[in-house]
Amino acid sequence: MINFLITVGLSFCLILLALLVFRYLGMPVYRVEAINIRVLLESVLREMATSADWDVFIGMRIHQDPELDKIRQQCAMLAEIEMTERAGMVIFSEKGRAQLSEILARLGEYIESGEQQ
């Protein structure tokens, strides 16, 4: 019985410590920057981006920068029509590659203007 009480007490202390750490340090946050999107789109155009990389980009909203989230949404809509997956790699049609190049150019202008938040 004493071992049980010690185990419960130590477990409670460990959970309380973890909660306090998260409370004061904050939860980890995944933050996408414009340069990360540029690198991904360049990889897609070279047909070197994995479907996992693409899924992470498309699947997570970019809360800190509405302009980058708009680009993410455009890429997601484009992927619905123009993208295929081959051997775990993301492949776009010629029309899709042309539209991705336009998005990449706009993103470059956005980065150069320094408007990122």
C-alpha atoms as a PDB file:
ATOM      1  CA  MET A   1       0.000   0.000   0.000  1.00  0.00           C
ATOM      2  CA  ILE A   2       2.818   2.421   0.790  1.00  0.00           C
ATOM      3  CA  ASN A   3       4.403   1.789  -2.644  1.00  0.00           C
ATOM      4  CA  PHE A   4       1.129   2.692  -4.306  1.00  0.00           C
ATOM      5  CA  LEU A   5       0.868   5.979  -2.397  1.00  0.00           C
ATOM      6  CA  ILE A   6       4.479   6.859  -3.209  1.00  0.00           C
ATOM      7  CA  THR A   7       3.873   6.113  -6.904  1.00  0.00           C
ATOM      8  CA  VAL A   8       0.710   8.244  -6.987  1.00  0.00           C
ATOM      9  CA  GLY A   9       2.433  11.078  -5.140  1.00  0.00           C
ATOM     10  CA  LEU A  10       5.479  11.082  -7.433  1.00  0.00           C
ATOM     11  CA  SER A  11       3.275  10.863 -10.530  1.00  0.00           C
ATOM     12  CA  PHE A  12       1.242  13.830  -9.314  1.00  0.00           C
ATOM     13  CA  CYS A  13       4.433  15.850  -8.704  1.00  0.00           C
ATOM     14  CA  LEU A  14       5.781  14.972 -12.152  1.00  0.00           C
ATOM     15  CA  ILE A  15       2.557  15.988 -13.907  1.00  0.00           C
ATOM     16  CA  LEU A  16       2.383  19.205 -11.888  1.00  0.00           C
ATOM     17  CA  LEU A  17       5.986  20.016 -12.819  1.00  0.00           C
ATOM     18  CA  ALA A  18       5.256  19.430 -16.523  1.00  0.00           C
ATOM     19  CA  LEU A  19       2.190  21.689 -16.368  1.00  0.00           C
ATOM     20  CA  LEU A  20       4.188  24.441 -14.677  1.00  0.00           C
ATOM     21  CA  VAL A  21       6.948  24.225 -17.287  1.00  0.00           C
ATOM     22  CA  PHE A  22       4.425  24.520 -20.150  1.00  0.00           C
ATOM     23  CA  ARG A  23       2.662  27.346 -18.333  1.00  0.00           C
ATOM     24  CA  TYR A  24       5.759  29.511 -17.971  1.00  0.00           C
ATOM     25  CA  LEU A  25       7.737  28.515 -21.066  1.00  0.00           C
ATOM     26  CA  GLY A  26       4.774  28.187 -23.398  1.00  0.00           C
ATOM     27  CA  MET A  27       3.810  25.437 -25.757  1.00  0.00           C
ATOM     28  CA  PRO A  28       6.077  24.806 -28.735  1.00  0.00           C
ATOM     29  CA  VAL A  29       4.869  26.609 -31.877  1.00  0.00           C
ATOM     30  CA  TYR A  30       5.496  25.722 -35.516  1.00  0.00           C
ATOM     31  CA  ARG A  31       6.166  28.991 -37.307  1.00  0.00           C
ATOM     32  CA  VAL A  32       6.456  29.103 -41.096  1.00  0.00           C
ATOM     33  CA  GLU A  33       8.518  31.958 -42.530  1.00  0.00           C
ATOM     34  CA  ALA A  34       8.451  33.284 -46.088  1.00  0.00           C
ATOM     35  CA  ILE A  35      11.938  31.938 -46.782  1.00  0.00           C
ATOM     36  CA  ASN A  36      10.764  28.427 -45.833  1.00  0.00           C
ATOM     37  CA  ILE A  37       7.963  28.658 -48.384  1.00  0.00           C
ATOM     38  CA  ARG A  38      10.383  29.923 -51.019  1.00  0.00           C
ATOM     39  CA  VAL A  39      12.697  26.962 -50.450  1.00  0.00           C
ATOM     40  CA  LEU A  40       9.772  24.525 -50.613  1.00  0.00           C
ATOM     41  CA  LEU A  41       8.379  25.994 -53.848  1.00  0.00           C
ATOM     42  CA  GLU A  42      11.838  25.946 -55.428  1.00  0.00           C
ATOM     43  CA  SER A  43      12.161  22.289 -54.407  1.00  0.00           C
ATOM     44  CA  VAL A  44       8.758  21.544 -55.931  1.00  0.00           C
ATOM     45  CA  LEU A  45       9.785  23.169 -59.210  1.00  0.00           C
ATOM     46  CA  ARG A  46      12.969  21.043 -59.231  1.00  0.00           C
ATOM     47  CA  GLU A  47      10.773  18.002 -58.444  1.00  0.00           C
ATOM     48  CA  MET A  48      12.716  17.356 -55.248  1.00  0.00           C
ATOM     49  CA  ALA A  49      10.015  18.103 -52.633  1.00  0.00           C
ATOM     50  CA  THR A  50       8.544  15.171 -50.759  1.00  0.00           C
ATOM     51  CA  SER A  51       4.840  14.719 -50.259  1.00  0.00           C
ATOM     52  CA  ALA A  52       5.436  14.948 -46.497  1.00  0.00           C
ATOM     53  CA  ASP A  53       6.994  18.419 -46.883  1.00  0.00           C
ATOM     54  CA  TRP A  54       4.072  19.506 -49.036  1.00  0.00           C
ATOM     55  CA  ASP A  55       1.463  18.085 -46.656  1.00  0.00           C
ATOM     56  CA  VAL A  56       2.962  19.920 -43.668  1.00  0.00           C
ATOM     57  CA  PHE A  57       2.932  23.202 -45.615  1.00  0.00           C
ATOM     58  CA  ILE A  58      -0.610  22.774 -46.914  1.00  0.00           C
ATOM     59  CA  GLY A  59      -2.045  21.312 -43.716  1.00  0.00           C
ATOM     60  CA  MET A  60      -1.131  24.012 -41.194  1.00  0.00           C
ATOM     61  CA  ARG A  61      -2.581  27.517 -41.221  1.00  0.00           C
ATOM     62  CA  ILE A  62      -0.077  30.362 -41.009  1.00  0.00           C
ATOM     63  CA  HIS A  63      -1.656  32.490 -38.290  1.00  0.00           C
ATOM     64  CA  GLN A  64       1.131  35.037 -37.872  1.00  0.00           C
ATOM     65  CA  ASP A  65       1.089  36.226 -41.494  1.00  0.00           C
ATOM     66  CA  PRO A  66      -2.168  36.428 -43.476  1.00  0.00           C
ATOM     67  CA  GLU A  67      -0.325  37.038 -46.759  1.00  0.00           C
ATOM     68  CA  LEU A  68       1.667  33.819 -46.382  1.00  0.00           C
ATOM     69  CA  ASP A  69      -1.520  31.966 -45.482  1.00  0.00           C
ATOM     70  CA  LYS A  70      -3.114  33.294 -48.662  1.00  0.00           C
ATOM     71  CA  ILE A  71      -0.167  31.860 -50.630  1.00  0.00           C
ATOM     72  CA  ARG A  72      -0.589  28.545 -48.793  1.00  0.00           C
ATOM     73  CA  GLN A  73      -4.262  28.450 -49.753  1.00  0.00           C
ATOM     74  CA  GLN A  74      -3.475  29.225 -53.399  1.00  0.00           C
ATOM     75  CA  CYS A  75      -0.941  26.386 -53.437  1.00  0.00           C
ATOM     76  CA  ALA A  76      -3.474  24.027 -51.868  1.00  0.00           C
ATOM     77  CA  MET A  77      -6.101  24.844 -54.499  1.00  0.00           C
ATOM     78  CA  LEU A  78      -3.534  24.470 -57.267  1.00  0.00           C
ATOM     79  CA  ALA A  79      -2.445  21.106 -55.884  1.00  0.00           C
ATOM     80  CA  GLU A  80      -6.000  19.799 -56.067  1.00  0.00           C
ATOM     81  CA  ILE A  81      -5.989  20.187 -59.848  1.00  0.00           C
ATOM     82  CA  GLU A  82      -2.391  20.155 -61.078  1.00  0.00           C
ATOM     83  CA  MET A  83      -0.443  17.936 -58.652  1.00  0.00           C
ATOM     84  CA  THR A  84       0.350  14.248 -58.642  1.00  0.00           C
ATOM     85  CA  GLU A  85       2.561  12.201 -56.395  1.00  0.00           C
ATOM     86  CA  ARG A  86       5.186   9.856 -57.759  1.00  0.00           C
ATOM     87  CA  ALA A  87       7.521   7.786 -55.563  1.00  0.00           C
ATOM     88  CA  GLY A  88       6.823  10.059 -52.587  1.00  0.00           C
ATOM     89  CA  MET A  89       7.700  13.203 -54.539  1.00  0.00           C
ATOM     90  CA  VAL A  90       5.402  16.093 -55.465  1.00  0.00           C
ATOM     91  CA  ILE A  91       5.009  16.529 -59.230  1.00  0.00           C
ATOM     92  CA  PHE A  92       3.059  19.357 -60.879  1.00  0.00           C
ATOM     93  CA  SER A  93       1.849  19.557 -64.470  1.00  0.00           C
ATOM     94  CA  GLU A  94       3.355  22.175 -66.788  1.00  0.00           C
ATOM     95  CA  LYS A  95       0.410  24.490 -66.155  1.00  0.00           C
ATOM     96  CA  GLY A  96       0.800  23.970 -62.415  1.00  0.00           C
ATOM     97  CA  ARG A  97       4.549  24.623 -62.592  1.00  0.00           C
ATOM     98  CA  ALA A  98       3.880  27.897 -64.437  1.00  0.00           C
ATOM     99  CA  GLN A  99       1.410  28.997 -61.753  1.00  0.00           C
ATOM    100  CA  LEU A 100       3.834  27.970 -58.989  1.00  0.00           C
ATOM    101  CA  SER A 101       6.514  30.076 -60.684  1.00  0.00           C
ATOM    102  CA  GLU A 102       4.157  33.069 -60.583  1.00  0.00           C
ATOM    103  CA  ILE A 103       3.433  32.443 -56.897  1.00  0.00           C
ATOM    104  CA  LEU A 104       7.167  32.131 -56.246  1.00  0.00           C
ATOM    105  CA  ALA A 105       7.807  35.455 -58.014  1.00  0.00           C
ATOM    106  CA  ARG A 106       5.148  37.182 -55.900  1.00  0.00           C
ATOM    107  CA  LEU A 107       6.638  35.613 -52.785  1.00  0.00           C
ATOM    108  CA  GLY A 108      10.077  36.915 -53.782  1.00  0.00           C
ATOM    109  CA  GLU A 109       8.654  40.421 -54.124  1.00  0.00           C
ATOM    110  CA  TYR A 110       7.000  40.033 -50.735  1.00  0.00           C
ATOM    111  CA  ILE A 111      10.285  38.978 -49.143  1.00  0.00           C
ATOM    112  CA  GLU A 112      12.197  41.812 -50.810  1.00  0.00           C
ATOM    113  CA  SER A 113       9.650  44.395 -49.680  1.00  0.00           C
ATOM    114  CA  GLY A 114      10.211  43.351 -46.072  1.00  0.00           C
ATOM    115  CA  GLU A 115       6.501  43.187 -45.275  1.00  0.00           C
ATOM    116  CA  GLN A 116       6.796  39.897 -43.392  1.00  0.00           C
ATOM    117  CA  GLN A 117       5.420  40.003 -39.883  1.00  0.00           C
END
